[in-house]
Amino acid sequence: MPSAKTKKLIGFTEEQVAAINTLATRQGTTFTAIVSEAVDEYASVRTNAMDQILDRLLTEHGDIIDRLSRT
């Protein structure tokens, strides 16, 4: 599938496409590489945040969670 069509399917605005293309040109890379890196970074941050929340819940309320799991 042509990249322009893929970009449009994702729902980027014309301004976003222009900004990403400019960034890609400046960095000597591709539109797809910029977007893929951004998605990976976003997912990593979200995953790390969720892991921290779960760790905190288990640390602070592990006894309650354990009791609830047995009921």
C-alpha atoms as a PDB file:
ATOM      1  CA  MET A   1       0.000   0.000   0.000  1.00  0.00           C
ATOM      2  CA  PRO A   2       1.429   3.412  -0.844  1.00  0.00           C
ATOM      3  CA  SER A   3       2.684   5.353   2.161  1.00  0.00           C
ATOM      4  CA  ALA A   4       0.484   8.395   1.438  1.00  0.00           C
ATOM      5  CA  LYS A   5      -2.593   6.198   1.660  1.00  0.00           C
ATOM      6  CA  THR A   6      -1.406   4.608   4.895  1.00  0.00           C
ATOM      7  CA  LYS A   7      -0.761   8.031   6.424  1.00  0.00           C
ATOM      8  CA  LYS A   8      -4.252   9.121   5.500  1.00  0.00           C
ATOM      9  CA  LEU A   9      -5.804   5.947   6.947  1.00  0.00           C
ATOM     10  CA  ILE A  10      -4.143   6.678  10.266  1.00  0.00           C
ATOM     11  CA  GLY A  11      -5.908  10.030  10.278  1.00  0.00           C
ATOM     12  CA  PHE A  12      -3.036  12.493  10.365  1.00  0.00           C
ATOM     13  CA  THR A  13      -3.906  16.083   9.603  1.00  0.00           C
ATOM     14  CA  GLU A  14      -2.097  17.813   6.767  1.00  0.00           C
ATOM     15  CA  GLU A  15      -0.172  19.806   9.368  1.00  0.00           C
ATOM     16  CA  GLN A  16       0.933  16.649  11.189  1.00  0.00           C
ATOM     17  CA  VAL A  17       2.067  15.038   7.942  1.00  0.00           C
ATOM     18  CA  ALA A  18       4.049  18.158   7.051  1.00  0.00           C
ATOM     19  CA  ALA A  19       5.649  18.339  10.512  1.00  0.00           C
ATOM     20  CA  ILE A  20       6.608  14.656  10.481  1.00  0.00           C
ATOM     21  CA  ASN A  21       7.977  14.927   6.946  1.00  0.00           C
ATOM     22  CA  THR A  22      10.051  17.956   7.975  1.00  0.00           C
ATOM     23  CA  LEU A  23      11.390  16.109  11.013  1.00  0.00           C
ATOM     24  CA  ALA A  24      12.174  13.037   8.924  1.00  0.00           C
ATOM     25  CA  THR A  25      14.069  15.144   6.401  1.00  0.00           C
ATOM     26  CA  ARG A  26      16.063  16.896   9.132  1.00  0.00           C
ATOM     27  CA  GLN A  27      16.949  13.582  10.756  1.00  0.00           C
ATOM     28  CA  GLY A  28      17.682  11.834   7.470  1.00  0.00           C
ATOM     29  CA  THR A  29      15.069   9.168   8.086  1.00  0.00           C
ATOM     30  CA  THR A  30      11.565   8.315   6.922  1.00  0.00           C
ATOM     31  CA  PHE A  31       8.039   9.261   7.874  1.00  0.00           C
ATOM     32  CA  THR A  32       7.386   5.665   8.905  1.00  0.00           C
ATOM     33  CA  ALA A  33      10.489   5.529  11.101  1.00  0.00           C
ATOM     34  CA  ILE A  34       9.492   8.733  12.916  1.00  0.00           C
ATOM     35  CA  VAL A  35       5.940   7.498  13.519  1.00  0.00           C
ATOM     36  CA  SER A  36       7.088   4.020  14.574  1.00  0.00           C
ATOM     37  CA  GLU A  37       9.548   5.488  17.064  1.00  0.00           C
ATOM     38  CA  ALA A  38       6.860   7.779  18.475  1.00  0.00           C
ATOM     39  CA  VAL A  39       4.409   4.898  18.868  1.00  0.00           C
ATOM     40  CA  ASP A  40       7.050   2.720  20.529  1.00  0.00           C
ATOM     41  CA  GLU A  41       7.960   5.503  22.946  1.00  0.00           C
ATOM     42  CA  TYR A  42       4.312   6.215  23.782  1.00  0.00           C
ATOM     43  CA  ALA A  43       3.592   2.536  24.399  1.00  0.00           C
ATOM     44  CA  SER A  44       6.707   2.194  26.549  1.00  0.00           C
ATOM     45  CA  VAL A  45       5.768   5.174  28.705  1.00  0.00           C
ATOM     46  CA  ARG A  46       2.212   3.883  29.123  1.00  0.00           C
ATOM     47  CA  THR A  47       3.433   0.386  29.994  1.00  0.00           C
ATOM     48  CA  ASN A  48       5.943   1.722  32.521  1.00  0.00           C
ATOM     49  CA  ALA A  49       3.299   3.926  34.120  1.00  0.00           C
ATOM     50  CA  MET A  50       0.893   0.992  34.418  1.00  0.00           C
ATOM     51  CA  ASP A  51       3.630  -1.216  35.884  1.00  0.00           C
ATOM     52  CA  GLN A  52       4.418   1.467  38.478  1.00  0.00           C
ATOM     53  CA  ILE A  53       0.742   1.763  39.428  1.00  0.00           C
ATOM     54  CA  LEU A  54       0.395  -1.999  39.812  1.00  0.00           C
ATOM     55  CA  ASP A  55       3.608  -2.248  41.822  1.00  0.00           C
ATOM     56  CA  ARG A  56       2.423   0.511  44.132  1.00  0.00           C
ATOM     57  CA  LEU A  57      -0.981  -1.129  44.594  1.00  0.00           C
ATOM     58  CA  LEU A  58       0.619  -4.463  45.411  1.00  0.00           C
ATOM     59  CA  THR A  59       3.102  -2.873  47.792  1.00  0.00           C
ATOM     60  CA  GLU A  60       0.597  -0.707  49.618  1.00  0.00           C
ATOM     61  CA  HIS A  61      -2.466  -2.942  49.445  1.00  0.00           C
ATOM     62  CA  GLY A  62      -1.161  -6.428  48.750  1.00  0.00           C
ATOM     63  CA  ASP A  63      -2.781  -7.873  51.870  1.00  0.00           C
ATOM     64  CA  ILE A  64      -6.216  -6.585  50.844  1.00  0.00           C
ATOM     65  CA  ILE A  65      -5.782  -7.792  47.278  1.00  0.00           C
ATOM     66  CA  ASP A  66      -4.752 -11.198  48.595  1.00  0.00           C
ATOM     67  CA  ARG A  67      -7.825 -11.399  50.833  1.00  0.00           C
ATOM     68  CA  LEU A  68     -10.133 -10.311  48.043  1.00  0.00           C
ATOM     69  CA  SER A  69      -8.692 -12.928  45.704  1.00  0.00           C
ATOM     70  CA  ARG A  70      -9.731 -15.647  48.173  1.00  0.00           C
ATOM     71  CA  THR A  71     -13.370 -14.594  48.453  1.00  0.00           C
END
